[in-house]
Amino acid sequence: MSSKNDLVLKNLRDGITELEDFQQLEILKIVDKNNIKYSQNTNGIFLNMKILDKKCLKAICNYLEFIKKN
């Protein structure tokens, strides 16, 4: 994966980290709906963002845009 894509994923991660808990849960629902595997422990929920397909990334970005508009 190119460094440009890595930067996009890093910015996406940073944006998700700043969301409210209920908004982060909506992101998790998108991930789960797209059958992306993740792990969970007392520190939180973790996933490898490099395995997100375009459909899932687009859904997450659309949700983030929705949040910004409202």
PDB file of N, CA and C in Angstrom:
ATOM      1  N   MET A   1       0.852  -1.173   0.000  1.00  0.00           N
ATOM      2  CA  MET A   1       0.000   0.000   0.000  1.00  0.00           C
ATOM      3  C   MET A   1       0.895   1.233   0.000  1.00  0.00           C
ATOM      4  N   SER A   2       0.535   2.203  -0.796  1.00  0.00           N
ATOM      5  CA  SER A   2       1.360   3.394  -0.919  1.00  0.00           C
ATOM      6  C   SER A   2       1.244   4.280   0.312  1.00  0.00           C
ATOM      7  N   SER A   3       2.186   5.179   0.441  1.00  0.00           N
ATOM      8  CA  SER A   3       2.171   6.077   1.594  1.00  0.00           C
ATOM      9  C   SER A   3       0.968   7.017   1.545  1.00  0.00           C
ATOM     10  N   LYS A   4       0.466   7.329   0.340  1.00  0.00           N
ATOM     11  CA  LYS A   4      -0.730   8.174   0.223  1.00  0.00           C
ATOM     12  C   LYS A   4      -1.924   7.469   0.863  1.00  0.00           C
ATOM     13  N   ASN A   5      -2.079   6.184   0.568  1.00  0.00           N
ATOM     14  CA  ASN A   5      -3.170   5.421   1.168  1.00  0.00           C
ATOM     15  C   ASN A   5      -2.993   5.297   2.676  1.00  0.00           C
ATOM     16  N   ASP A   6      -1.756   5.129   3.110  1.00  0.00           N
ATOM     17  CA  ASP A   6      -1.489   5.064   4.549  1.00  0.00           C
ATOM     18  C   ASP A   6      -1.896   6.359   5.231  1.00  0.00           C
ATOM     19  N   LEU A   7      -1.631   7.485   4.589  1.00  0.00           N
ATOM     20  CA  LEU A   7      -1.993   8.787   5.147  1.00  0.00           C
ATOM     21  C   LEU A   7      -3.510   8.942   5.201  1.00  0.00           C
ATOM     22  N   VAL A   8      -4.194   8.484   4.157  1.00  0.00           N
ATOM     23  CA  VAL A   8      -5.661   8.548   4.138  1.00  0.00           C
ATOM     24  C   VAL A   8      -6.228   7.728   5.295  1.00  0.00           C
ATOM     25  N   LEU A   9      -5.707   6.510   5.487  1.00  0.00           N
ATOM     26  CA  LEU A   9      -6.183   5.652   6.577  1.00  0.00           C
ATOM     27  C   LEU A   9      -5.869   6.255   7.937  1.00  0.00           C
ATOM     28  N   LYS A  10      -4.697   6.871   8.071  1.00  0.00           N
ATOM     29  CA  LYS A  10      -4.331   7.509   9.340  1.00  0.00           C
ATOM     30  C   LYS A  10      -5.289   8.663   9.645  1.00  0.00           C
ATOM     31  N   ASN A  11      -5.599   9.471   8.634  1.00  0.00           N
ATOM     32  CA  ASN A  11      -6.529  10.582   8.836  1.00  0.00           C
ATOM     33  C   ASN A  11      -7.925  10.071   9.176  1.00  0.00           C
ATOM     34  N   LEU A  12      -8.328   8.984   8.532  1.00  0.00           N
ATOM     35  CA  LEU A  12      -9.615   8.372   8.827  1.00  0.00           C
ATOM     36  C   LEU A  12      -9.651   7.875  10.267  1.00  0.00           C
ATOM     37  N   ARG A  13      -8.587   7.195  10.686  1.00  0.00           N
ATOM     38  CA  ARG A  13      -8.488   6.704  12.066  1.00  0.00           C
ATOM     39  C   ARG A  13      -8.563   7.859  13.059  1.00  0.00           C
ATOM     40  N   ASP A  14      -7.829   8.921  12.779  1.00  0.00           N
ATOM     41  CA  ASP A  14      -7.824  10.064  13.686  1.00  0.00           C
ATOM     42  C   ASP A  14      -9.208  10.692  13.787  1.00  0.00           C
ATOM     43  N   GLY A  15      -9.902  10.762  12.646  1.00  0.00           N
ATOM     44  CA  GLY A  15     -11.253  11.310  12.652  1.00  0.00           C
ATOM     45  C   GLY A  15     -12.210  10.453  13.454  1.00  0.00           C
ATOM     46  N   ILE A  16     -12.096   9.144  13.323  1.00  0.00           N
ATOM     47  CA  ILE A  16     -12.964   8.231  14.066  1.00  0.00           C
ATOM     48  C   ILE A  16     -12.679   8.316  15.557  1.00  0.00           C
ATOM     49  N   THR A  17     -11.430   8.451  15.925  1.00  0.00           N
ATOM     50  CA  THR A  17     -11.029   8.532  17.329  1.00  0.00           C
ATOM     51  C   THR A  17     -11.665   9.732  18.018  1.00  0.00           C
ATOM     52  N   GLU A  18     -11.877  10.802  17.283  1.00  0.00           N
ATOM     53  CA  GLU A  18     -12.440  12.027  17.855  1.00  0.00           C
ATOM     54  C   GLU A  18     -13.963  12.001  17.981  1.00  0.00           C
ATOM     55  N   LEU A  19     -14.611  10.983  17.431  1.00  0.00           N
ATOM     56  CA  LEU A  19     -16.066  10.908  17.470  1.00  0.00           C
ATOM     57  C   LEU A  19     -16.571  10.551  18.860  1.00  0.00           C
ATOM     58  N   GLU A  20     -17.837  10.858  19.081  1.00  0.00           N
ATOM     59  CA  GLU A  20     -18.519  10.433  20.308  1.00  0.00           C
ATOM     60  C   GLU A  20     -18.666   8.913  20.275  1.00  0.00           C
ATOM     61  N   ASP A  21     -18.862   8.323  21.443  1.00  0.00           N
ATOM     62  CA  ASP A  21     -18.961   6.865  21.536  1.00  0.00           C
ATOM     63  C   ASP A  21     -20.066   6.302  20.647  1.00  0.00           C
ATOM     64  N   PHE A  22     -21.240   6.918  20.644  1.00  0.00           N
ATOM     65  CA  PHE A  22     -22.352   6.396  19.849  1.00  0.00           C
ATOM     66  C   PHE A  22     -22.050   6.478  18.354  1.00  0.00           C
ATOM     67  N   GLN A  23     -21.270   7.481  17.955  1.00  0.00           N
ATOM     68  CA  GLN A  23     -20.885   7.607  16.549  1.00  0.00           C
ATOM     69  C   GLN A  23     -19.865   6.537  16.176  1.00  0.00           C
ATOM     70  N   GLN A  24     -18.950   6.251  17.099  1.00  0.00           N
ATOM     71  CA  GLN A  24     -17.981   5.183  16.869  1.00  0.00           C
ATOM     72  C   GLN A  24     -18.683   3.835  16.753  1.00  0.00           C
ATOM     73  N   LEU A  25     -19.755   3.645  17.519  1.00  0.00           N
ATOM     74  CA  LEU A  25     -20.522   2.400  17.415  1.00  0.00           C
ATOM     75  C   LEU A  25     -21.184   2.277  16.045  1.00  0.00           C
ATOM     76  N   GLU A  26     -21.595   3.388  15.465  1.00  0.00           N
ATOM     77  CA  GLU A  26     -22.162   3.352  14.111  1.00  0.00           C
ATOM     78  C   GLU A  26     -21.097   2.926  13.099  1.00  0.00           C
ATOM     79  N   ILE A  27     -19.872   3.401  13.285  1.00  0.00           N
ATOM     80  CA  ILE A  27     -18.756   2.975  12.423  1.00  0.00           C
ATOM     81  C   ILE A  27     -18.555   1.471  12.574  1.00  0.00           C
ATOM     82  N   LEU A  28     -18.608   0.983  13.808  1.00  0.00           N
ATOM     83  CA  LEU A  28     -18.447  -0.454  14.053  1.00  0.00           C
ATOM     84  C   LEU A  28     -19.555  -1.249  13.362  1.00  0.00           C
ATOM     85  N   LYS A  29     -20.766  -0.718  13.363  1.00  0.00           N
ATOM     86  CA  LYS A  29     -21.872  -1.396  12.673  1.00  0.00           C
ATOM     87  C   LYS A  29     -21.592  -1.501  11.176  1.00  0.00           C
ATOM     88  N   ILE A  30     -21.011  -0.444  10.601  1.00  0.00           N
ATOM     89  CA  ILE A  30     -20.642  -0.472   9.186  1.00  0.00           C
ATOM     90  C   ILE A  30     -19.589  -1.543   8.946  1.00  0.00           C
ATOM     91  N   VAL A  31     -18.587  -1.591   9.803  1.00  0.00           N
ATOM     92  CA  VAL A  31     -17.516  -2.591   9.684  1.00  0.00           C
ATOM     93  C   VAL A  31     -18.100  -3.994   9.807  1.00  0.00           C
ATOM     94  N   ASP A  32     -18.952  -4.192  10.789  1.00  0.00           N
ATOM     95  CA  ASP A  32     -19.551  -5.503  11.028  1.00  0.00           C
ATOM     96  C   ASP A  32     -20.447  -5.916   9.854  1.00  0.00           C
ATOM     97  N   LYS A  33     -21.207  -4.977   9.329  1.00  0.00           N
ATOM     98  CA  LYS A  33     -22.097  -5.246   8.197  1.00  0.00           C
ATOM     99  C   LYS A  33     -21.307  -5.701   6.970  1.00  0.00           C
ATOM    100  N   ASN A  34     -20.078  -5.227   6.841  1.00  0.00           N
ATOM    101  CA  ASN A  34     -19.219  -5.583   5.717  1.00  0.00           C
ATOM    102  C   ASN A  34     -18.330  -6.792   6.016  1.00  0.00           C
ATOM    103  N   ASN A  35     -18.643  -7.485   7.102  1.00  0.00           N
ATOM    104  CA  ASN A  35     -17.945  -8.726   7.486  1.00  0.00           C
ATOM    105  C   ASN A  35     -16.437  -8.549   7.652  1.00  0.00           C
ATOM    106  N   ILE A  36     -16.042  -7.404   8.201  1.00  0.00           N
ATOM    107  CA  ILE A  36     -14.640  -7.142   8.499  1.00  0.00           C
ATOM    108  C   ILE A  36     -14.365  -7.650   9.914  1.00  0.00           C
ATOM    109  N   LYS A  37     -13.318  -8.449  10.054  1.00  0.00           N
ATOM    110  CA  LYS A  37     -12.994  -8.995  11.370  1.00  0.00           C
ATOM    111  C   LYS A  37     -12.318  -7.932  12.231  1.00  0.00           C
ATOM    112  N   TYR A  38     -12.650  -7.972  13.505  1.00  0.00           N
ATOM    113  CA  TYR A  38     -12.057  -7.052  14.467  1.00  0.00           C
ATOM    114  C   TYR A  38     -11.905  -7.787  15.788  1.00  0.00           C
ATOM    115  N   SER A  39     -11.122  -7.212  16.675  1.00  0.00           N
ATOM    116  CA  SER A  39     -10.965  -7.787  18.012  1.00  0.00           C
ATOM    117  C   SER A  39     -11.355  -6.744  19.038  1.00  0.00           C
ATOM    118  N   GLN A  40     -11.729  -7.237  20.207  1.00  0.00           N
ATOM    119  CA  GLN A  40     -12.188  -6.337  21.265  1.00  0.00           C
ATOM    120  C   GLN A  40     -11.603  -6.804  22.583  1.00  0.00           C
ATOM    121  N   ASN A  41     -11.145  -5.849  23.377  1.00  0.00           N
ATOM    122  CA  ASN A  41     -10.699  -6.138  24.739  1.00  0.00           C
ATOM    123  C   ASN A  41     -11.022  -4.920  25.609  1.00  0.00           C
ATOM    124  N   THR A  42     -10.489  -4.897  26.814  1.00  0.00           N
ATOM    125  CA  THR A  42     -10.804  -3.795  27.728  1.00  0.00           C
ATOM    126  C   THR A  42     -10.277  -2.443  27.240  1.00  0.00           C
ATOM    127  N   ASN A  43      -9.335  -2.456  26.310  1.00  0.00           N
ATOM    128  CA  ASN A  43      -8.795  -1.207  25.770  1.00  0.00           C
ATOM    129  C   ASN A  43      -9.591  -0.674  24.593  1.00  0.00           C
ATOM    130  N   GLY A  44     -10.496  -1.463  24.056  1.00  0.00           N
ATOM    131  CA  GLY A  44     -11.304  -0.993  22.937  1.00  0.00           C
ATOM    132  C   GLY A  44     -11.474  -2.038  21.859  1.00  0.00           C
ATOM    133  N   ILE A  45     -11.811  -1.554  20.686  1.00  0.00           N
ATOM    134  CA  ILE A  45     -12.036  -2.397  19.509  1.00  0.00           C
ATOM    135  C   ILE A  45     -10.954  -2.063  18.502  1.00  0.00           C
ATOM    136  N   PHE A  46     -10.387  -3.105  17.910  1.00  0.00           N
ATOM    137  CA  PHE A  46      -9.255  -2.926  17.008  1.00  0.00           C
ATOM    138  C   PHE A  46      -9.489  -3.685  15.711  1.00  0.00           C
ATOM    139  N   LEU A  47      -9.062  -3.061  14.609  1.00  0.00           N
ATOM    140  CA  LEU A  47      -9.127  -3.744  13.329  1.00  0.00           C
ATOM    141  C   LEU A  47      -8.001  -3.250  12.449  1.00  0.00           C
ATOM    142  N   ASN A  48      -7.657  -4.075  11.480  1.00  0.00           N
ATOM    143  CA  ASN A  48      -6.624  -3.710  10.515  1.00  0.00           C
ATOM    144  C   ASN A  48      -7.299  -2.927   9.396  1.00  0.00           C
ATOM    145  N   MET A  49      -7.102  -1.638   9.368  1.00  0.00           N
ATOM    146  CA  MET A  49      -7.793  -0.793   8.397  1.00  0.00           C
ATOM    147  C   MET A  49      -7.315  -1.043   6.974  1.00  0.00           C
ATOM    148  N   LYS A  50      -6.156  -1.647   6.818  1.00  0.00           N
ATOM    149  CA  LYS A  50      -5.643  -1.929   5.476  1.00  0.00           C
ATOM    150  C   LYS A  50      -6.455  -3.005   4.763  1.00  0.00           C
ATOM    151  N   ILE A  51      -7.277  -3.754   5.505  1.00  0.00           N
ATOM    152  CA  ILE A  51      -8.089  -4.784   4.863  1.00  0.00           C
ATOM    153  C   ILE A  51      -9.493  -4.293   4.521  1.00  0.00           C
ATOM    154  N   LEU A  52      -9.811  -3.051   4.840  1.00  0.00           N
ATOM    155  CA  LEU A  52     -11.119  -2.500   4.502  1.00  0.00           C
ATOM    156  C   LEU A  52     -11.238  -2.379   2.988  1.00  0.00           C
ATOM    157  N   ASP A  53     -12.328  -2.889   2.439  1.00  0.00           N
ATOM    158  CA  ASP A  53     -12.521  -2.771   0.999  1.00  0.00           C
ATOM    159  C   ASP A  53     -13.109  -1.398   0.666  1.00  0.00           C
ATOM    160  N   LYS A  54     -13.166  -1.097  -0.625  1.00  0.00           N
ATOM    161  CA  LYS A  54     -13.633   0.227  -1.064  1.00  0.00           C
ATOM    162  C   LYS A  54     -15.066   0.496  -0.629  1.00  0.00           C
ATOM    163  N   LYS A  55     -15.898  -0.530  -0.665  1.00  0.00           N
ATOM    164  CA  LYS A  55     -17.303  -0.375  -0.277  1.00  0.00           C
ATOM    165  C   LYS A  55     -17.417   0.054   1.187  1.00  0.00           C
ATOM    166  N   CYS A  56     -16.657  -0.594   2.045  1.00  0.00           N
ATOM    167  CA  CYS A  56     -16.686  -0.280   3.472  1.00  0.00           C
ATOM    168  C   CYS A  56     -16.108   1.115   3.731  1.00  0.00           C
ATOM    169  N   LEU A  57     -14.993   1.425   3.091  1.00  0.00           N
ATOM    170  CA  LEU A  57     -14.384   2.748   3.252  1.00  0.00           C
ATOM    171  C   LEU A  57     -15.339   3.843   2.796  1.00  0.00           C
ATOM    172  N   LYS A  58     -16.028   3.611   1.693  1.00  0.00           N
ATOM    173  CA  LYS A  58     -16.979   4.606   1.189  1.00  0.00           C
ATOM    174  C   LYS A  58     -18.126   4.800   2.174  1.00  0.00           C
ATOM    175  N   ALA A  59     -18.617   3.715   2.746  1.00  0.00           N
ATOM    176  CA  ALA A  59     -19.708   3.818   3.722  1.00  0.00           C
ATOM    177  C   ALA A  59     -19.254   4.586   4.961  1.00  0.00           C
ATOM    178  N   ILE A  60     -18.044   4.337   5.417  1.00  0.00           N
ATOM    179  CA  ILE A  60     -17.511   5.052   6.583  1.00  0.00           C
ATOM    180  C   ILE A  60     -17.354   6.537   6.254  1.00  0.00           C
ATOM    181  N   CYS A  61     -16.782   6.828   5.103  1.00  0.00           N
ATOM    182  CA  CYS A  61     -16.601   8.230   4.701  1.00  0.00           C
ATOM    183  C   CYS A  61     -17.933   8.939   4.548  1.00  0.00           C
ATOM    184  N   ASN A  62     -18.924   8.252   3.986  1.00  0.00           N
ATOM    185  CA  ASN A  62     -20.257   8.848   3.853  1.00  0.00           C
ATOM    186  C   ASN A  62     -20.844   9.161   5.221  1.00  0.00           C
ATOM    187  N   TYR A  63     -20.659   8.253   6.171  1.00  0.00           N
ATOM    188  CA  TYR A  63     -21.163   8.491   7.523  1.00  0.00           C
ATOM    189  C   TYR A  63     -20.450   9.686   8.163  1.00  0.00           C
ATOM    190  N   LEU A  64     -19.147   9.774   7.986  1.00  0.00           N
ATOM    191  CA  LEU A  64     -18.392  10.900   8.543  1.00  0.00           C
ATOM    192  C   LEU A  64     -18.843  12.217   7.925  1.00  0.00           C
ATOM    193  N   GLU A  65     -19.127  12.220   6.631  1.00  0.00           N
ATOM    194  CA  GLU A  65     -19.642  13.429   5.972  1.00  0.00           C
ATOM    195  C   GLU A  65     -21.023  13.789   6.529  1.00  0.00           C
ATOM    196  N   PHE A  66     -21.845  12.795   6.772  1.00  0.00           N
ATOM    197  CA  PHE A  66     -23.160  13.021   7.363  1.00  0.00           C
ATOM    198  C   PHE A  66     -23.034  13.693   8.726  1.00  0.00           C
ATOM    199  N   ILE A  67     -22.095  13.218   9.529  1.00  0.00           N
ATOM    200  CA  ILE A  67     -21.873  13.792  10.859  1.00  0.00           C
ATOM    201  C   ILE A  67     -21.446  15.257  10.738  1.00  0.00           C
ATOM    202  N   LYS A  68     -20.539  15.540   9.814  1.00  0.00           N
ATOM    203  CA  LYS A  68     -20.056  16.906   9.656  1.00  0.00           C
ATOM    204  C   LYS A  68     -21.173  17.869   9.254  1.00  0.00           C
ATOM    205  N   LYS A  69     -22.102  17.383   8.437  1.00  0.00           N
ATOM    206  CA  LYS A  69     -23.198  18.232   7.957  1.00  0.00           C
ATOM    207  C   LYS A  69     -24.248  18.484   9.024  1.00  0.00           C
ATOM    208  N   ASN A  70     -24.318  17.612  10.036  1.00  0.00           N
ATOM    209  CA  ASN A  70     -25.371  17.751  11.046  1.00  0.00           C
ATOM    210  C   ASN A  70     -24.828  18.150  12.367  1.00  0.00           C
TER     211      ASN A  70
END
